[in-house]
Amino acid sequence: MSMAVAGLLAGMALGFAGYFGGFGAFLLVAALGAVGFVVGRFLDGDLEAGDLFRPRGRDERRGPR
């Protein structure tokens, strides 16, 4: 499935949730979609668990001591 189709489906799901369930349902669908995206990237191997909890190169930006 292409990213355009995935985006279309996500947009339609958010639209239906917002229309039928109100703003609270919209936020719930958006949050669960974000969690599903992260889990999907993790299962595809594009993301490692340490990437979520490790600081992003704080020591690398400071340079040599």
PDB file of N, CA and C in Angstrom:
ATOM      1  N   MET A   1       0.851  -1.169   0.000  1.00  0.00           N
ATOM      2  CA  MET A   1       0.000   0.000   0.000  1.00  0.00           C
ATOM      3  C   MET A   1       0.899   1.235   0.000  1.00  0.00           C
ATOM      4  N   SER A   2       0.599   2.159  -0.890  1.00  0.00           N
ATOM      5  CA  SER A   2       1.411   3.367  -0.974  1.00  0.00           C
ATOM      6  C   SER A   2       1.085   4.312   0.187  1.00  0.00           C
ATOM      7  N   MET A   3       1.981   5.229   0.413  1.00  0.00           N
ATOM      8  CA  MET A   3       1.782   6.194   1.496  1.00  0.00           C
ATOM      9  C   MET A   3       0.582   7.102   1.211  1.00  0.00           C
ATOM     10  N   ALA A   4       0.303   7.368  -0.074  1.00  0.00           N
ATOM     11  CA  ALA A   4      -0.850   8.209  -0.414  1.00  0.00           C
ATOM     12  C   ALA A   4      -2.154   7.513  -0.025  1.00  0.00           C
ATOM     13  N   VAL A   5      -2.241   6.209  -0.281  1.00  0.00           N
ATOM     14  CA  VAL A   5      -3.448   5.466   0.076  1.00  0.00           C
ATOM     15  C   VAL A   5      -3.580   5.365   1.594  1.00  0.00           C
ATOM     16  N   ALA A   6      -2.464   5.140   2.273  1.00  0.00           N
ATOM     17  CA  ALA A   6      -2.500   5.077   3.739  1.00  0.00           C
ATOM     18  C   ALA A   6      -2.938   6.424   4.317  1.00  0.00           C
ATOM     19  N   GLY A   7      -2.442   7.511   3.752  1.00  0.00           N
ATOM     20  CA  GLY A   7      -2.850   8.841   4.200  1.00  0.00           C
ATOM     21  C   GLY A   7      -4.314   9.120   3.934  1.00  0.00           C
ATOM     22  N   LEU A   8      -4.790   8.661   2.775  1.00  0.00           N
ATOM     23  CA  LEU A   8      -6.200   8.811   2.448  1.00  0.00           C
ATOM     24  C   LEU A   8      -7.078   8.063   3.443  1.00  0.00           C
ATOM     25  N   LEU A   9      -6.716   6.828   3.755  1.00  0.00           N
ATOM     26  CA  LEU A   9      -7.499   6.037   4.716  1.00  0.00           C
ATOM     27  C   LEU A   9      -7.465   6.655   6.111  1.00  0.00           C
ATOM     28  N   ALA A  10      -6.300   7.140   6.522  1.00  0.00           N
ATOM     29  CA  ALA A  10      -6.205   7.780   7.833  1.00  0.00           C
ATOM     30  C   ALA A  10      -7.044   9.049   7.879  1.00  0.00           C
ATOM     31  N   GLY A  11      -7.005   9.838   6.825  1.00  0.00           N
ATOM     32  CA  GLY A  11      -7.811  11.054   6.775  1.00  0.00           C
ATOM     33  C   GLY A  11      -9.299  10.766   6.800  1.00  0.00           C
ATOM     34  N   MET A  12      -9.708   9.728   6.081  1.00  0.00           N
ATOM     35  CA  MET A  12     -11.120   9.364   6.097  1.00  0.00           C
ATOM     36  C   MET A  12     -11.550   8.868   7.468  1.00  0.00           C
ATOM     37  N   ALA A  13     -10.707   8.085   8.131  1.00  0.00           N
ATOM     38  CA  ALA A  13     -11.035   7.603   9.477  1.00  0.00           C
ATOM     39  C   ALA A  13     -11.159   8.769  10.450  1.00  0.00           C
ATOM     40  N   LEU A  14     -10.238   9.722  10.361  1.00  0.00           N
ATOM     41  CA  LEU A  14     -10.313  10.897  11.241  1.00  0.00           C
ATOM     42  C   LEU A  14     -11.548  11.740  10.928  1.00  0.00           C
ATOM     43  N   GLY A  15     -11.873  11.860   9.650  1.00  0.00           N
ATOM     44  CA  GLY A  15     -13.063  12.616   9.275  1.00  0.00           C
ATOM     45  C   GLY A  15     -14.345  11.988   9.798  1.00  0.00           C
ATOM     46  N   PHE A  16     -14.467  10.670   9.642  1.00  0.00           N
ATOM     47  CA  PHE A  16     -15.649   9.983  10.158  1.00  0.00           C
ATOM     48  C   PHE A  16     -15.722  10.088  11.679  1.00  0.00           C
ATOM     49  N   ALA A  17     -14.587   9.935  12.349  1.00  0.00           N
ATOM     50  CA  ALA A  17     -14.584  10.032  13.812  1.00  0.00           C
ATOM     51  C   ALA A  17     -14.982  11.431  14.260  1.00  0.00           C
ATOM     52  N   GLY A  18     -14.477  12.444  13.583  1.00  0.00           N
ATOM     53  CA  GLY A  18     -14.822  13.810  13.938  1.00  0.00           C
ATOM     54  C   GLY A  18     -16.275  14.132  13.669  1.00  0.00           C
ATOM     55  N   TYR A  19     -16.810  13.616  12.569  1.00  0.00           N
ATOM     56  CA  TYR A  19     -18.193  13.920  12.203  1.00  0.00           C
ATOM     57  C   TYR A  19     -19.191  13.198  13.103  1.00  0.00           C
ATOM     58  N   PHE A  20     -18.971  11.907  13.313  1.00  0.00           N
ATOM     59  CA  PHE A  20     -19.941  11.116  14.062  1.00  0.00           C
ATOM     60  C   PHE A  20     -19.683  11.102  15.570  1.00  0.00           C
ATOM     61  N   GLY A  21     -18.438  11.245  15.991  1.00  0.00           N
ATOM     62  CA  GLY A  21     -18.125  11.105  17.405  1.00  0.00           C
ATOM     63  C   GLY A  21     -17.723  12.379  18.104  1.00  0.00           C
ATOM     64  N   GLY A  22     -17.500  13.436  17.371  1.00  0.00           N
ATOM     65  CA  GLY A  22     -17.094  14.690  17.973  1.00  0.00           C
ATOM     66  C   GLY A  22     -15.585  14.795  18.092  1.00  0.00           C
ATOM     67  N   PHE A  23     -15.160  15.861  18.745  1.00  0.00           N
ATOM     68  CA  PHE A  23     -13.726  16.160  18.841  1.00  0.00           C
ATOM     69  C   PHE A  23     -12.982  15.137  19.682  1.00  0.00           C
ATOM     70  N   GLY A  24     -13.611  14.616  20.731  1.00  0.00           N
ATOM     71  CA  GLY A  24     -12.959  13.605  21.576  1.00  0.00           C
ATOM     72  C   GLY A  24     -12.647  12.338  20.800  1.00  0.00           C
ATOM     73  N   ALA A  25     -13.575  11.909  19.958  1.00  0.00           N
ATOM     74  CA  ALA A  25     -13.342  10.725  19.121  1.00  0.00           C
ATOM     75  C   ALA A  25     -12.262  11.012  18.089  1.00  0.00           C
ATOM     76  N   PHE A  26     -12.239  12.224  17.566  1.00  0.00           N
ATOM     77  CA  PHE A  26     -11.193  12.619  16.620  1.00  0.00           C
ATOM     78  C   PHE A  26      -9.812  12.493  17.261  1.00  0.00           C
ATOM     79  N   LEU A  27      -9.673  13.006  18.481  1.00  0.00           N
ATOM     80  CA  LEU A  27      -8.382  12.920  19.170  1.00  0.00           C
ATOM     81  C   LEU A  27      -7.999  11.482  19.495  1.00  0.00           C
ATOM     82  N   LEU A  28      -8.978  10.672  19.886  1.00  0.00           N
ATOM     83  CA  LEU A  28      -8.707   9.268  20.191  1.00  0.00           C
ATOM     84  C   LEU A  28      -8.224   8.523  18.948  1.00  0.00           C
ATOM     85  N   VAL A  29      -8.890   8.727  17.820  1.00  0.00           N
ATOM     86  CA  VAL A  29      -8.477   8.065  16.578  1.00  0.00           C
ATOM     87  C   VAL A  29      -7.094   8.549  16.147  1.00  0.00           C
ATOM     88  N   ALA A  30      -6.817   9.834  16.294  1.00  0.00           N
ATOM     89  CA  ALA A  30      -5.505  10.360  15.928  1.00  0.00           C
ATOM     90  C   ALA A  30      -4.405   9.771  16.815  1.00  0.00           C
ATOM     91  N   ALA A  31      -4.656   9.676  18.119  1.00  0.00           N
ATOM     92  CA  ALA A  31      -3.653   9.121  19.044  1.00  0.00           C
ATOM     93  C   ALA A  31      -3.419   7.638  18.769  1.00  0.00           C
ATOM     94  N   LEU A  32      -4.485   6.889  18.560  1.00  0.00           N
ATOM     95  CA  LEU A  32      -4.323   5.466  18.269  1.00  0.00           C
ATOM     96  C   LEU A  32      -3.663   5.251  16.908  1.00  0.00           C
ATOM     97  N   GLY A  33      -3.910   6.125  15.976  1.00  0.00           N
ATOM     98  CA  GLY A  33      -3.229   6.047  14.682  1.00  0.00           C
ATOM     99  C   GLY A  33      -1.739   6.286  14.814  1.00  0.00           C
ATOM    100  N   ALA A  34      -1.354   7.243  15.668  1.00  0.00           N
ATOM    101  CA  ALA A  34       0.067   7.505  15.895  1.00  0.00           C
ATOM    102  C   ALA A  34       0.742   6.310  16.572  1.00  0.00           C
ATOM    103  N   VAL A  35       0.072   5.706  17.537  1.00  0.00           N
ATOM    104  CA  VAL A  35       0.616   4.520  18.200  1.00  0.00           C
ATOM    105  C   VAL A  35       0.755   3.376  17.197  1.00  0.00           C
ATOM    106  N   GLY A  36      -0.246   3.185  16.361  1.00  0.00           N
ATOM    107  CA  GLY A  36      -0.184   2.144  15.344  1.00  0.00           C
ATOM    108  C   GLY A  36       0.935   2.379  14.352  1.00  0.00           C
ATOM    109  N   PHE A  37       1.180   3.634  14.004  1.00  0.00           N
ATOM    110  CA  PHE A  37       2.265   3.964  13.091  1.00  0.00           C
ATOM    111  C   PHE A  37       3.618   3.590  13.695  1.00  0.00           C
ATOM    112  N   VAL A  38       3.826   3.943  14.963  1.00  0.00           N
ATOM    113  CA  VAL A  38       5.094   3.629  15.628  1.00  0.00           C
ATOM    114  C   VAL A  38       5.271   2.122  15.754  1.00  0.00           C
ATOM    115  N   VAL A  39       4.222   1.410  16.118  1.00  0.00           N
ATOM    116  CA  VAL A  39       4.308  -0.051  16.236  1.00  0.00           C
ATOM    117  C   VAL A  39       4.590  -0.674  14.871  1.00  0.00           C
ATOM    118  N   GLY A  40       3.954  -0.175  13.831  1.00  0.00           N
ATOM    119  CA  GLY A  40       4.197  -0.684  12.488  1.00  0.00           C
ATOM    120  C   GLY A  40       5.629  -0.465  12.037  1.00  0.00           C
ATOM    121  N   ARG A  41       6.174   0.712  12.314  1.00  0.00           N
ATOM    122  CA  ARG A  41       7.583   0.974  11.968  1.00  0.00           C
ATOM    123  C   ARG A  41       8.509   0.059  12.747  1.00  0.00           C
ATOM    124  N   PHE A  42       8.181  -0.193  14.017  1.00  0.00           N
ATOM    125  CA  PHE A  42       8.986  -1.085  14.849  1.00  0.00           C
ATOM    126  C   PHE A  42       8.951  -2.509  14.294  1.00  0.00           C
ATOM    127  N   LEU A  43       7.774  -2.991  13.903  1.00  0.00           N
ATOM    128  CA  LEU A  43       7.648  -4.347  13.380  1.00  0.00           C
ATOM    129  C   LEU A  43       8.277  -4.501  12.000  1.00  0.00           C
ATOM    130  N   ASP A  44       8.325  -3.423  11.209  1.00  0.00           N
ATOM    131  CA  ASP A  44       8.986  -3.466   9.913  1.00  0.00           C
ATOM    132  C   ASP A  44      10.500  -3.450  10.038  1.00  0.00           C
ATOM    133  N   GLY A  45      11.007  -3.089  11.211  1.00  0.00           N
ATOM    134  CA  GLY A  45      12.450  -3.019  11.419  1.00  0.00           C
ATOM    135  C   GLY A  45      13.038  -1.653  11.120  1.00  0.00           C
ATOM    136  N   ASP A  46      12.206  -0.665  10.826  1.00  0.00           N
ATOM    137  CA  ASP A  46      12.685   0.685  10.548  1.00  0.00           C
ATOM    138  C   ASP A  46      13.009   1.463  11.810  1.00  0.00           C
ATOM    139  N   LEU A  47      12.579   0.953  12.940  1.00  0.00           N
ATOM    140  CA  LEU A  47      12.719   1.662  14.207  1.00  0.00           C
ATOM    141  C   LEU A  47      13.122   0.666  15.273  1.00  0.00           C
ATOM    142  N   GLU A  48      14.036   1.069  16.141  1.00  0.00           N
ATOM    143  CA  GLU A  48      14.437   0.227  17.255  1.00  0.00           C
ATOM    144  C   GLU A  48      13.903   0.836  18.549  1.00  0.00           C
ATOM    145  N   ALA A  49      13.707  -0.019  19.544  1.00  0.00           N
ATOM    146  CA  ALA A  49      13.140   0.458  20.809  1.00  0.00           C
ATOM    147  C   ALA A  49      14.035   1.512  21.450  1.00  0.00           C
ATOM    148  N   GLY A  50      15.340   1.376  21.335  1.00  0.00           N
ATOM    149  CA  GLY A  50      16.263   2.351  21.914  1.00  0.00           C
ATOM    150  C   GLY A  50      16.162   3.716  21.265  1.00  0.00           C
ATOM    151  N   ASP A  51      15.703   3.778  20.018  1.00  0.00           N
ATOM    152  CA  ASP A  51      15.557   5.068  19.338  1.00  0.00           C
ATOM    153  C   ASP A  51      14.530   5.955  20.010  1.00  0.00           C
ATOM    154  N   LEU A  52      13.555   5.357  20.689  1.00  0.00           N
ATOM    155  CA  LEU A  52      12.506   6.141  21.331  1.00  0.00           C
ATOM    156  C   LEU A  52      12.949   6.711  22.669  1.00  0.00           C
ATOM    157  N   PHE A  53      13.909   6.065  23.327  1.00  0.00           N
ATOM    158  CA  PHE A  53      14.266   6.457  24.687  1.00  0.00           C
ATOM    159  C   PHE A  53      15.665   7.050  24.814  1.00  0.00           C
ATOM    160  N   ARG A  54      16.471   6.953  23.780  1.00  0.00           N
ATOM    161  CA  ARG A  54      17.841   7.457  23.815  1.00  0.00           C
ATOM    162  C   ARG A  54      17.845   8.931  23.431  1.00  0.00           C
ATOM    163  N   PRO A  55      18.596   9.767  24.150  1.00  0.00           N
ATOM    164  CA  PRO A  55      18.690  11.167  23.730  1.00  0.00           C
ATOM    165  C   PRO A  55      19.390  11.270  22.375  1.00  0.00           C
ATOM    166  N   ARG A  56      19.013  12.253  21.592  1.00  0.00           N
ATOM    167  CA  ARG A  56      19.544  12.394  20.239  1.00  0.00           C
ATOM    168  C   ARG A  56      20.899  13.085  20.233  1.00  0.00           C
ATOM    169  N   GLY A  57      21.949  12.353  20.410  1.00  0.00           N
ATOM    170  CA  GLY A  57      23.310  12.844  20.229  1.00  0.00           C
ATOM    171  C   GLY A  57      23.665  14.086  21.009  1.00  0.00           C
ATOM    172  N   ARG A  58      23.247  14.169  22.245  1.00  0.00           N
ATOM    173  CA  ARG A  58      23.598  15.357  23.031  1.00  0.00           C
ATOM    174  C   ARG A  58      25.091  15.487  23.175  1.00  0.00           C
ATOM    175  N   ASP A  59      25.784  14.377  23.382  1.00  0.00           N
ATOM    176  CA  ASP A  59      27.224  14.425  23.550  1.00  0.00           C
ATOM    177  C   ASP A  59      27.944  14.695  22.230  1.00  0.00           C
ATOM    178  N   GLU A  60      27.366  14.322  21.118  1.00  0.00           N
ATOM    179  CA  GLU A  60      27.999  14.522  19.824  1.00  0.00           C
ATOM    180  C   GLU A  60      28.003  16.005  19.442  1.00  0.00           C
ATOM    181  N   ARG A  61      27.011  16.743  19.864  1.00  0.00           N
ATOM    182  CA  ARG A  61      26.945  18.165  19.497  1.00  0.00           C
ATOM    183  C   ARG A  61      27.944  19.012  20.270  1.00  0.00           C
ATOM    184  N   ARG A  62      28.311  18.558  21.451  1.00  0.00           N
ATOM    185  CA  ARG A  62      29.231  19.331  22.280  1.00  0.00           C
ATOM    186  C   ARG A  62      30.655  19.311  21.750  1.00  0.00           C
ATOM    187  N   GLY A  63      30.994  18.272  21.032  1.00  0.00           N
ATOM    188  CA  GLY A  63      32.344  18.166  20.487  1.00  0.00           C
ATOM    189  C   GLY A  63      33.280  17.524  21.493  1.00  0.00           C
ATOM    190  N   PRO A  64      34.571  17.457  21.155  1.00  0.00           N
ATOM    191  CA  PRO A  64      35.551  16.825  22.058  1.00  0.00           C
ATOM    192  C   PRO A  64      35.757  17.653  23.314  1.00  0.00           C
ATOM    193  N   ARG A  65      36.067  16.976  24.389  1.00  0.00           N
ATOM    194  CA  ARG A  65      36.296  17.699  25.661  1.00  0.00           C
ATOM    195  C   ARG A  65      37.756  17.918  25.893  1.00  0.00           C
TER     196      ARG A  65
END
